Amino acid sequence: MRIISNKALQEFADLHPQATAPLQEWRGKIRTVSVKSYAELKSLFNSVDKVGDYFVFNIAGNHYRLIAAIHFNTQTLYIRLIMTHKEYANGNLKSCF
């Protein structure tokens, strides 16, 4: 799957250096998959949830949340937002949903 854009991962990691390795691990794994549906994605990433039109990945044991739009037909994943679990729990999603 193609990721748009890695820049979002880098910018978040600059603010949260401890997130660098988990985010790059997620990136490495997602780049190697080709899935046709949410069910297939869920079988590979057990912690992913579908919220409306977006997919929420738990990163690093639920320390971070990555919110993405996925176009299965083109195998493209658009990173909409990355946040800490605390930010997500506080409902700071207005810029995404």
PDB file of N, CA and C in Angstrom:
ATOM      1  N   MET A   1       0.844  -1.172   0.000  1.00  0.00           N
ATOM      2  CA  MET A   1       0.000   0.000   0.000  1.00  0.00           C
ATOM      3  C   MET A   1       0.893   1.241   0.000  1.00  0.00           C
ATOM      4  N   ARG A   2       0.490   2.216  -0.736  1.00  0.00           N
ATOM      5  CA  ARG A   2       1.251   3.469  -0.830  1.00  0.00           C
ATOM      6  C   ARG A   2       0.763   4.440   0.249  1.00  0.00           C
ATOM      7  N   ILE A   3       1.701   5.070   0.944  1.00  0.00           N
ATOM      8  CA  ILE A   3       1.373   5.985   2.041  1.00  0.00           C
ATOM      9  C   ILE A   3       1.562   7.426   1.588  1.00  0.00           C
ATOM     10  N   ILE A   4       0.537   8.230   1.820  1.00  0.00           N
ATOM     11  CA  ILE A   4       0.595   9.665   1.556  1.00  0.00           C
ATOM     12  C   ILE A   4       0.338  10.343   2.897  1.00  0.00           C
ATOM     13  N   SER A   5       1.184  10.935   3.564  1.00  0.00           N
ATOM     14  CA  SER A   5       2.563  11.171   3.252  1.00  0.00           C
ATOM     15  C   SER A   5       3.419  10.795   4.453  1.00  0.00           C
ATOM     16  N   ASN A   6       4.622  10.370   4.152  1.00  0.00           N
ATOM     17  CA  ASN A   6       5.567  10.029   5.218  1.00  0.00           C
ATOM     18  C   ASN A   6       5.960  11.271   6.016  1.00  0.00           C
ATOM     19  N   LYS A   7       5.783  12.433   5.424  1.00  0.00           N
ATOM     20  CA  LYS A   7       6.116  13.687   6.101  1.00  0.00           C
ATOM     21  C   LYS A   7       5.332  13.832   7.417  1.00  0.00           C
ATOM     22  N   ALA A   8       4.090  13.392   7.423  1.00  0.00           N
ATOM     23  CA  ALA A   8       3.281  13.460   8.647  1.00  0.00           C
ATOM     24  C   ALA A   8       3.897  12.611   9.753  1.00  0.00           C
ATOM     25  N   LEU A   9       4.413  11.436   9.384  1.00  0.00           N
ATOM     26  CA  LEU A   9       5.077  10.581  10.364  1.00  0.00           C
ATOM     27  C   LEU A   9       6.326  11.248  10.914  1.00  0.00           C
ATOM     28  N   GLN A  10       7.100  11.859  10.036  1.00  0.00           N
ATOM     29  CA  GLN A  10       8.338  12.518  10.450  1.00  0.00           C
ATOM     30  C   GLN A  10       8.055  13.715  11.349  1.00  0.00           C
ATOM     31  N   GLU A  11       7.052  14.509  10.993  1.00  0.00           N
ATOM     32  CA  GLU A  11       6.730  15.693  11.797  1.00  0.00           C
ATOM     33  C   GLU A  11       6.243  15.306  13.192  1.00  0.00           C
ATOM     34  N   PHE A  12       5.423  14.255  13.270  1.00  0.00           N
ATOM     35  CA  PHE A  12       4.954  13.800  14.578  1.00  0.00           C
ATOM     36  C   PHE A  12       6.120  13.261  15.397  1.00  0.00           C
ATOM     37  N   ALA A  13       6.997  12.513  14.758  1.00  0.00           N
ATOM     38  CA  ALA A  13       8.164  11.946  15.451  1.00  0.00           C
ATOM     39  C   ALA A  13       9.114  13.045  15.924  1.00  0.00           C
ATOM     40  N   ASP A  14       9.176  14.151  15.207  1.00  0.00           N
ATOM     41  CA  ASP A  14      10.002  15.275  15.659  1.00  0.00           C
ATOM     42  C   ASP A  14       9.473  15.836  16.976  1.00  0.00           C
ATOM     43  N   LEU A  15       8.149  15.856  17.133  1.00  0.00           N
ATOM     44  CA  LEU A  15       7.530  16.345  18.364  1.00  0.00           C
ATOM     45  C   LEU A  15       7.531  15.294  19.469  1.00  0.00           C
ATOM     46  N   HIS A  16       7.501  14.028  19.062  1.00  0.00           N
ATOM     47  CA  HIS A  16       7.445  12.901  20.001  1.00  0.00           C
ATOM     48  C   HIS A  16       8.493  11.873  19.585  1.00  0.00           C
ATOM     49  N   PRO A  17       9.769  12.113  19.915  1.00  0.00           N
ATOM     50  CA  PRO A  17      10.853  11.235  19.457  1.00  0.00           C
ATOM     51  C   PRO A  17      10.660   9.757  19.812  1.00  0.00           C
ATOM     52  N   GLN A  18      10.010   9.468  20.927  1.00  0.00           N
ATOM     53  CA  GLN A  18       9.789   8.085  21.318  1.00  0.00           C
ATOM     54  C   GLN A  18       8.819   7.367  20.371  1.00  0.00           C
ATOM     55  N   ALA A  19       8.123   8.106  19.526  1.00  0.00           N
ATOM     56  CA  ALA A  19       7.189   7.514  18.565  1.00  0.00           C
ATOM     57  C   ALA A  19       7.872   7.108  17.263  1.00  0.00           C
ATOM     58  N   THR A  20       9.115   7.518  17.072  1.00  0.00           N
ATOM     59  CA  THR A  20       9.807   7.266  15.806  1.00  0.00           C
ATOM     60  C   THR A  20       9.836   5.790  15.435  1.00  0.00           C
ATOM     61  N   ALA A  21      10.351   4.960  16.303  1.00  0.00           N
ATOM     62  CA  ALA A  21      10.484   3.527  15.983  1.00  0.00           C
ATOM     63  C   ALA A  21       9.127   2.857  15.753  1.00  0.00           C
ATOM     64  N   PRO A  22       8.137   3.057  16.634  1.00  0.00           N
ATOM     65  CA  PRO A  22       6.840   2.415  16.386  1.00  0.00           C
ATOM     66  C   PRO A  22       6.174   2.878  15.089  1.00  0.00           C
ATOM     67  N   LEU A  23       6.283   4.168  14.792  1.00  0.00           N
ATOM     68  CA  LEU A  23       5.682   4.667  13.550  1.00  0.00           C
ATOM     69  C   LEU A  23       6.379   4.094  12.319  1.00  0.00           C
ATOM     70  N   GLN A  24       7.698   4.006  12.366  1.00  0.00           N
ATOM     71  CA  GLN A  24       8.418   3.447  11.223  1.00  0.00           C
ATOM     72  C   GLN A  24       8.166   1.942  11.096  1.00  0.00           C
ATOM     73  N   GLU A  25       7.961   1.271  12.211  1.00  0.00           N
ATOM     74  CA  GLU A  25       7.605  -0.151  12.168  1.00  0.00           C
ATOM     75  C   GLU A  25       6.238  -0.328  11.502  1.00  0.00           C
ATOM     76  N   TRP A  26       5.265   0.511  11.892  1.00  0.00           N
ATOM     77  CA  TRP A  26       3.940   0.472  11.279  1.00  0.00           C
ATOM     78  C   TRP A  26       4.052   0.764   9.779  1.00  0.00           C
ATOM     79  N   ARG A  27       4.820   1.788   9.440  1.00  0.00           N
ATOM     80  CA  ARG A  27       5.012   2.171   8.038  1.00  0.00           C
ATOM     81  C   ARG A  27       5.589   1.015   7.224  1.00  0.00           C
ATOM     82  N   GLY A  28       6.600   0.364   7.782  1.00  0.00           N
ATOM     83  CA  GLY A  28       7.214  -0.756   7.090  1.00  0.00           C
ATOM     84  C   GLY A  28       6.234  -1.883   6.829  1.00  0.00           C
ATOM     85  N   LYS A  29       5.376  -2.138   7.793  1.00  0.00           N
ATOM     86  CA  LYS A  29       4.400  -3.215   7.637  1.00  0.00           C
ATOM     87  C   LYS A  29       3.291  -2.840   6.661  1.00  0.00           C
ATOM     88  N   ILE A  30       2.753  -1.639   6.786  1.00  0.00           N
ATOM     89  CA  ILE A  30       1.622  -1.238   5.929  1.00  0.00           C
ATOM     90  C   ILE A  30       2.050  -1.146   4.465  1.00  0.00           C
ATOM     91  N   ARG A  31       3.288  -0.793   4.228  1.00  0.00           N
ATOM     92  CA  ARG A  31       3.787  -0.678   2.845  1.00  0.00           C
ATOM     93  C   ARG A  31       3.841  -2.028   2.141  1.00  0.00           C
ATOM     94  N   THR A  32       3.910  -3.105   2.899  1.00  0.00           N
ATOM     95  CA  THR A  32       4.056  -4.423   2.291  1.00  0.00           C
ATOM     96  C   THR A  32       2.727  -5.132   2.057  1.00  0.00           C
ATOM     97  N   VAL A  33       1.628  -4.558   2.526  1.00  0.00           N
ATOM     98  CA  VAL A  33       0.346  -5.245   2.399  1.00  0.00           C
ATOM     99  C   VAL A  33      -0.440  -4.758   1.196  1.00  0.00           C
ATOM    100  N   SER A  34      -1.289  -5.640   0.731  1.00  0.00           N
ATOM    101  CA  SER A  34      -2.246  -5.324  -0.313  1.00  0.00           C
ATOM    102  C   SER A  34      -3.569  -5.929   0.133  1.00  0.00           C
ATOM    103  N   VAL A  35      -4.472  -5.080   0.578  1.00  0.00           N
ATOM    104  CA  VAL A  35      -5.748  -5.555   1.094  1.00  0.00           C
ATOM    105  C   VAL A  35      -6.892  -4.950   0.298  1.00  0.00           C
ATOM    106  N   LYS A  36      -7.986  -5.687   0.224  1.00  0.00           N
ATOM    107  CA  LYS A  36      -9.131  -5.260  -0.584  1.00  0.00           C
ATOM    108  C   LYS A  36     -10.302  -4.747   0.236  1.00  0.00           C
ATOM    109  N   SER A  37     -10.201  -4.893   1.569  1.00  0.00           N
ATOM    110  CA  SER A  37     -11.331  -4.503   2.404  1.00  0.00           C
ATOM    111  C   SER A  37     -10.879  -4.264   3.844  1.00  0.00           C
ATOM    112  N   TYR A  38     -11.801  -3.682   4.615  1.00  0.00           N
ATOM    113  CA  TYR A  38     -11.533  -3.485   6.037  1.00  0.00           C
ATOM    114  C   TYR A  38     -11.327  -4.819   6.737  1.00  0.00           C
ATOM    115  N   ALA A  39     -12.088  -5.839   6.359  1.00  0.00           N
ATOM    116  CA  ALA A  39     -11.949  -7.149   6.991  1.00  0.00           C
ATOM    117  C   ALA A  39     -10.539  -7.700   6.798  1.00  0.00           C
ATOM    118  N   GLU A  40      -9.999  -7.559   5.603  1.00  0.00           N
ATOM    119  CA  GLU A  40      -8.624  -8.019   5.358  1.00  0.00           C
ATOM    120  C   GLU A  40      -7.626  -7.189   6.155  1.00  0.00           C
ATOM    121  N   LEU A  41      -7.847  -5.868   6.210  1.00  0.00           N
ATOM    122  CA  LEU A  41      -6.970  -4.990   6.979  1.00  0.00           C
ATOM    123  C   LEU A  41      -7.001  -5.368   8.455  1.00  0.00           C
ATOM    124  N   LYS A  42      -8.185  -5.627   8.975  1.00  0.00           N
ATOM    125  CA  LYS A  42      -8.359  -5.990  10.385  1.00  0.00           C
ATOM    126  C   LYS A  42      -7.652  -7.307  10.703  1.00  0.00           C
ATOM    127  N   SER A  43      -7.607  -8.213   9.742  1.00  0.00           N
ATOM    128  CA  SER A  43      -6.936  -9.491   9.987  1.00  0.00           C
ATOM    129  C   SER A  43      -5.425  -9.314  10.113  1.00  0.00           C
ATOM    130  N   LEU A  44      -4.887  -8.261   9.492  1.00  0.00           N
ATOM    131  CA  LEU A  44      -3.448  -7.989   9.566  1.00  0.00           C
ATOM    132  C   LEU A  44      -3.091  -7.024  10.702  1.00  0.00           C
ATOM    133  N   PHE A  45      -3.989  -6.089  10.978  1.00  0.00           N
ATOM    134  CA  PHE A  45      -3.784  -5.086  12.027  1.00  0.00           C
ATOM    135  C   PHE A  45      -4.965  -5.203  12.986  1.00  0.00           C
ATOM    136  N   ASN A  46      -4.837  -6.060  13.967  1.00  0.00           N
ATOM    137  CA  ASN A  46      -5.940  -6.366  14.872  1.00  0.00           C
ATOM    138  C   ASN A  46      -6.475  -5.138  15.599  1.00  0.00           C
ATOM    139  N   SER A  47      -5.644  -4.149  15.836  1.00  0.00           N
ATOM    140  CA  SER A  47      -6.072  -2.994  16.632  1.00  0.00           C
ATOM    141  C   SER A  47      -6.668  -1.863  15.793  1.00  0.00           C
ATOM    142  N   VAL A  48      -6.821  -2.051  14.497  1.00  0.00           N
ATOM    143  CA  VAL A  48      -7.396  -0.993  13.669  1.00  0.00           C
ATOM    144  C   VAL A  48      -8.917  -0.991  13.824  1.00  0.00           C
ATOM    145  N   ASP A  49      -9.482   0.219  13.878  1.00  0.00           N
ATOM    146  CA  ASP A  49     -10.932   0.390  13.961  1.00  0.00           C
ATOM    147  C   ASP A  49     -11.394   1.281  12.826  1.00  0.00           C
ATOM    148  N   LYS A  50     -12.621   1.062  12.385  1.00  0.00           N
ATOM    149  CA  LYS A  50     -13.210   1.927  11.358  1.00  0.00           C
ATOM    150  C   LYS A  50     -14.137   2.902  12.070  1.00  0.00           C
ATOM    151  N   VAL A  51     -13.897   4.177  11.853  1.00  0.00           N
ATOM    152  CA  VAL A  51     -14.709   5.239  12.453  1.00  0.00           C
ATOM    153  C   VAL A  51     -15.190   6.121  11.307  1.00  0.00           C
ATOM    154  N   GLY A  52     -16.453   5.993  10.972  1.00  0.00           N
ATOM    155  CA  GLY A  52     -16.972   6.706   9.808  1.00  0.00           C
ATOM    156  C   GLY A  52     -16.254   6.221   8.563  1.00  0.00           C
ATOM    157  N   ASP A  53     -15.698   7.161   7.804  1.00  0.00           N
ATOM    158  CA  ASP A  53     -14.956   6.820   6.587  1.00  0.00           C
ATOM    159  C   ASP A  53     -13.467   6.623   6.844  1.00  0.00           C
ATOM    160  N   TYR A  54     -13.027   6.729   8.092  1.00  0.00           N
ATOM    161  CA  TYR A  54     -11.607   6.679   8.418  1.00  0.00           C
ATOM    162  C   TYR A  54     -11.240   5.405   9.177  1.00  0.00           C
ATOM    163  N   PHE A  55      -9.944   5.145   9.202  1.00  0.00           N
ATOM    164  CA  PHE A  55      -9.403   3.977   9.891  1.00  0.00           C
ATOM    165  C   PHE A  55      -8.443   4.482  10.967  1.00  0.00           C
ATOM    166  N   VAL A  56      -8.629   3.999  12.186  1.00  0.00           N
ATOM    167  CA  VAL A  56      -7.830   4.442  13.322  1.00  0.00           C
ATOM    168  C   VAL A  56      -6.931   3.284  13.752  1.00  0.00           C
ATOM    169  N   PHE A  57      -5.625   3.505  13.624  1.00  0.00           N
ATOM    170  CA  PHE A  57      -4.631   2.512  14.016  1.00  0.00           C
ATOM    171  C   PHE A  57      -4.088   2.867  15.395  1.00  0.00           C
ATOM    172  N   ASN A  58      -4.022   1.884  16.279  1.00  0.00           N
ATOM    173  CA  ASN A  58      -3.353   2.053  17.566  1.00  0.00           C
ATOM    174  C   ASN A  58      -1.880   1.733  17.335  1.00  0.00           C
ATOM    175  N   ILE A  59      -1.019   2.647  17.700  1.00  0.00           N
ATOM    176  CA  ILE A  59       0.417   2.499  17.491  1.00  0.00           C
ATOM    177  C   ILE A  59       1.108   2.415  18.851  1.00  0.00           C
ATOM    178  N   ALA A  60       2.094   1.560  18.962  1.00  0.00           N
ATOM    179  CA  ALA A  60       2.921   1.426  20.178  1.00  0.00           C
ATOM    180  C   ALA A  60       2.078   1.079  21.397  1.00  0.00           C
ATOM    181  N   GLY A  61       1.296   0.033  21.269  1.00  0.00           N
ATOM    182  CA  GLY A  61       0.507  -0.398  22.422  1.00  0.00           C
ATOM    183  C   GLY A  61      -0.501   0.629  22.867  1.00  0.00           C
ATOM    184  N   ASN A  62      -1.099   1.322  21.904  1.00  0.00           N
ATOM    185  CA  ASN A  62      -2.146   2.304  22.177  1.00  0.00           C
ATOM    186  C   ASN A  62      -1.631   3.635  22.714  1.00  0.00           C
ATOM    187  N   HIS A  63      -0.341   3.904  22.589  1.00  0.00           N
ATOM    188  CA  HIS A  63       0.198   5.206  23.015  1.00  0.00           C
ATOM    189  C   HIS A  63      -0.125   6.300  22.000  1.00  0.00           C
ATOM    190  N   TYR A  64      -0.273   5.910  20.734  1.00  0.00           N
ATOM    191  CA  TYR A  64      -0.525   6.872  19.662  1.00  0.00           C
ATOM    192  C   TYR A  64      -1.665   6.367  18.797  1.00  0.00           C
ATOM    193  N   ARG A  65      -2.334   7.299  18.144  1.00  0.00           N
ATOM    194  CA  ARG A  65      -3.403   6.963  17.213  1.00  0.00           C
ATOM    195  C   ARG A  65      -3.076   7.603  15.870  1.00  0.00           C
ATOM    196  N   LEU A  66      -3.171   6.802  14.839  1.00  0.00           N
ATOM    197  CA  LEU A  66      -2.960   7.281  13.478  1.00  0.00           C
ATOM    198  C   LEU A  66      -4.287   7.125  12.747  1.00  0.00           C
ATOM    199  N   ILE A  67      -4.785   8.230  12.227  1.00  0.00           N
ATOM    200  CA  ILE A  67      -6.072   8.236  11.540  1.00  0.00           C
ATOM    201  C   ILE A  67      -5.808   8.402  10.050  1.00  0.00           C
ATOM    202  N   ALA A  68      -6.387   7.490   9.271  1.00  0.00           N
ATOM    203  CA  ALA A  68      -6.099   7.468   7.844  1.00  0.00           C
ATOM    204  C   ALA A  68      -7.358   7.243   7.020  1.00  0.00           C
ATOM    205  N   ALA A  69      -7.299   7.743   5.811  1.00  0.00           N
ATOM    206  CA  ALA A  69      -8.297   7.404   4.794  1.00  0.00           C
ATOM    207  C   ALA A  69      -7.621   6.391   3.882  1.00  0.00           C
ATOM    208  N   ILE A  70      -8.346   5.346   3.551  1.00  0.00           N
ATOM    209  CA  ILE A  70      -7.762   4.310   2.709  1.00  0.00           C
ATOM    210  C   ILE A  70      -8.642   4.092   1.489  1.00  0.00           C
ATOM    211  N   HIS A  71      -8.001   4.103   0.335  1.00  0.00           N
ATOM    212  CA  HIS A  71      -8.674   3.783  -0.926  1.00  0.00           C
ATOM    213  C   HIS A  71      -8.169   2.408  -1.339  1.00  0.00           C
ATOM    214  N   PHE A  72      -8.971   1.399  -1.032  1.00  0.00           N
ATOM    215  CA  PHE A  72      -8.549   0.028  -1.305  1.00  0.00           C
ATOM    216  C   PHE A  72      -8.363  -0.221  -2.799  1.00  0.00           C
ATOM    217  N   ASN A  73      -9.163   0.433  -3.641  1.00  0.00           N
ATOM    218  CA  ASN A  73      -9.068   0.202  -5.081  1.00  0.00           C
ATOM    219  C   ASN A  73      -7.743   0.671  -5.672  1.00  0.00           C
ATOM    220  N   THR A  74      -7.139   1.687  -5.089  1.00  0.00           N
ATOM    221  CA  THR A  74      -5.845   2.184  -5.588  1.00  0.00           C
ATOM    222  C   THR A  74      -4.692   1.840  -4.655  1.00  0.00           C
ATOM    223  N   GLN A  75      -5.014   1.150  -3.548  1.00  0.00           N
ATOM    224  CA  GLN A  75      -3.997   0.766  -2.565  1.00  0.00           C
ATOM    225  C   GLN A  75      -3.238   1.992  -2.047  1.00  0.00           C
ATOM    226  N   THR A  76      -4.007   3.034  -1.717  1.00  0.00           N
ATOM    227  CA  THR A  76      -3.427   4.282  -1.233  1.00  0.00           C
ATOM    228  C   THR A  76      -3.982   4.604   0.149  1.00  0.00           C
ATOM    229  N   LEU A  77      -3.091   4.943   1.069  1.00  0.00           N
ATOM    230  CA  LEU A  77      -3.452   5.323   2.424  1.00  0.00           C
ATOM    231  C   LEU A  77      -3.031   6.772   2.638  1.00  0.00           C
ATOM    232  N   TYR A  78      -3.981   7.602   3.018  1.00  0.00           N
ATOM    233  CA  TYR A  78      -3.721   9.013   3.284  1.00  0.00           C
ATOM    234  C   TYR A  78      -3.735   9.235   4.792  1.00  0.00           C
ATOM    235  N   ILE A  79      -2.621   9.659   5.342  1.00  0.00           N
ATOM    236  CA  ILE A  79      -2.561   9.959   6.776  1.00  0.00           C
ATOM    237  C   ILE A  79      -3.258  11.287   7.008  1.00  0.00           C
ATOM    238  N   ARG A  80      -4.309  11.256   7.806  1.00  0.00           N
ATOM    239  CA  ARG A  80      -5.069  12.466   8.106  1.00  0.00           C
ATOM    240  C   ARG A  80      -4.568  13.143   9.373  1.00  0.00           C
ATOM    241  N   LEU A  81      -4.186  12.314  10.382  1.00  0.00           N
ATOM    242  CA  LEU A  81      -3.815  12.882  11.672  1.00  0.00           C
ATOM    243  C   LEU A  81      -3.101  11.819  12.495  1.00  0.00           C
ATOM    244  N   ILE A  82      -2.120  12.245  13.257  1.00  0.00           N
ATOM    245  CA  ILE A  82      -1.466  11.381  14.229  1.00  0.00           C
ATOM    246  C   ILE A  82      -1.518  12.124  15.555  1.00  0.00           C
ATOM    247  N   MET A  83      -1.875  11.422  16.600  1.00  0.00           N
ATOM    248  CA  MET A  83      -1.978  12.075  17.896  1.00  0.00           C
ATOM    249  C   MET A  83      -1.647  11.089  19.008  1.00  0.00           C
ATOM    250  N   THR A  84      -1.414  11.637  20.177  1.00  0.00           N
ATOM    251  CA  THR A  84      -1.193  10.783  21.337  1.00  0.00           C
ATOM    252  C   THR A  84      -2.547  10.207  21.764  1.00  0.00           C
ATOM    253  N   HIS A  85      -2.492   9.170  22.548  1.00  0.00           N
ATOM    254  CA  HIS A  85      -3.731   8.575  23.055  1.00  0.00           C
ATOM    255  C   HIS A  85      -4.515   9.606  23.876  1.00  0.00           C
ATOM    256  N   LYS A  86      -3.804  10.394  24.648  1.00  0.00           N
ATOM    257  CA  LYS A  86      -4.464  11.408  25.485  1.00  0.00           C
ATOM    258  C   LYS A  86      -5.215  12.419  24.619  1.00  0.00           C
ATOM    259  N   GLU A  87      -4.583  12.884  23.543  1.00  0.00           N
ATOM    260  CA  GLU A  87      -5.251  13.826  22.639  1.00  0.00           C
ATOM    261  C   GLU A  87      -6.495  13.197  22.019  1.00  0.00           C
ATOM    262  N   TYR A  88      -6.362  11.941  21.619  1.00  0.00           N
ATOM    263  CA  TYR A  88      -7.491  11.226  21.020  1.00  0.00           C
ATOM    264  C   TYR A  88      -8.626  11.062  22.028  1.00  0.00           C
ATOM    265  N   ALA A  89      -8.279  10.681  23.246  1.00  0.00           N
ATOM    266  CA  ALA A  89      -9.280  10.479  24.294  1.00  0.00           C
ATOM    267  C   ALA A  89      -9.994  11.780  24.653  1.00  0.00           C
ATOM    268  N   ASN A  90      -9.296  12.905  24.506  1.00  0.00           N
ATOM    269  CA  ASN A  90      -9.895  14.210  24.799  1.00  0.00           C
ATOM    270  C   ASN A  90     -10.775  14.713  23.669  1.00  0.00           C
ATOM    271  N   GLY A  91     -10.847  13.957  22.578  1.00  0.00           N
ATOM    272  CA  GLY A  91     -11.730  14.321  21.472  1.00  0.00           C
ATOM    273  C   GLY A  91     -11.182  15.385  20.541  1.00  0.00           C
ATOM    274  N   ASN A  92      -9.872  15.499  20.445  1.00  0.00           N
ATOM    275  CA  ASN A  92      -9.263  16.501  19.571  1.00  0.00           C
ATOM    276  C   ASN A  92      -9.248  16.018  18.114  1.00  0.00           C
ATOM    277  N   LEU A  93     -10.422  15.722  17.574  1.00  0.00           N
ATOM    278  CA  LEU A  93     -10.517  15.150  16.235  1.00  0.00           C
ATOM    279  C   LEU A  93     -11.172  16.077  15.229  1.00  0.00           C
ATOM    280  N   LYS A  94     -11.473  17.272  15.605  1.00  0.00           N
ATOM    281  CA  LYS A  94     -12.234  18.165  14.740  1.00  0.00           C
ATOM    282  C   LYS A  94     -11.589  18.374  13.375  1.00  0.00           C
ATOM    283  N   SER A  95     -10.267  18.361  13.310  1.00  0.00           N
ATOM    284  CA  SER A  95      -9.605  18.602  12.038  1.00  0.00           C
ATOM    285  C   SER A  95      -9.654  17.377  11.126  1.00  0.00           C
ATOM    286  N   CYS A  96     -10.109  16.264  11.650  1.00  0.00           N
ATOM    287  CA  CYS A  96     -10.101  15.029  10.876  1.00  0.00           C
ATOM    288  C   CYS A  96     -11.500  14.600  10.463  1.00  0.00           C
ATOM    289  N   PHE A  97     -12.431  14.577  11.408  1.00  0.00           N
ATOM    290  CA  PHE A  97     -13.759  14.040  11.128  1.00  0.00           C
ATOM    291  C   PHE A  97     -14.752  15.126  10.802  1.00  0.00           C
TER     292      PHE A  97
END
